[in-house]
Amino acid sequence: MRSNSFECLISDLDVRPLLRSLEMQSSLWTHITARQTTPGTPHVDTQTIFLRWAAAQTIEAVFNDLDAVDYPALMDLPEARGLLAQSVEASRANTLGRAIIVRLKPGGRITPHADEGAYADHYERFHLVLQSDAGNRFHVADPANPHIYTTAEMKPGQLWWFNHKRTHWVENRSNRERIHLIMDMVAPSYRTERGQ
């Protein structure tokens, strides 16, 4: 699918080894909870494993710090490193920014929001689908009319770009967690092709 909201870059990455590793290291989900507990967050129904993130865990850093550093979980999940490399290659990126693994609970929702600040302006956003059953819907609103939106049903093994600068939200209408590896990259040729 090609649009100014979404594009599926690749459909056949093998995500099963990372899923198996996540099952064996389930305690990683509770190491850092700021993303779902910060007041006003759209991510209340999620849990996050931080692979790469801002050095400081502050609101200011989240919005404005362009640098990303490796977090300990990246060493704990070597399968993630290979998928990050494959995703960088597929997106023709020259810089990898932050990378997190996010699971959305069954029946859960990520509420409408748009990513803002210097960090969001600098990076493109990519999602590698690790686990997603029928009923998971990812929506991006039309900037001219928020009542019109594009919806994608992303499948495991697919790598997607989406326009995170537009209002977006997610619904998990399935009975199992939706798990995505979310990556930010500087992908200049991709940004030129897709625009804002």
Foldseek 3Di string as FASTA:
>chain_A
DDALFKDWLDFAADLVVQVVLCVVPVCQQPPDDCQLPPPPHLQVQKTKRWQKAFPDPDPCCRAEPQAIDGDPVCVSRVVVVVVVVVLCVSLVFDDWHTKMKMKGAAQGKRDKDARHHPNLVQWWKKKAWADADPQKKKWFADPVDRVDIDIDRDHHRIMMTGNRRTIMMIGRNDNGITIIIMIIGRRPVNCVVSPD
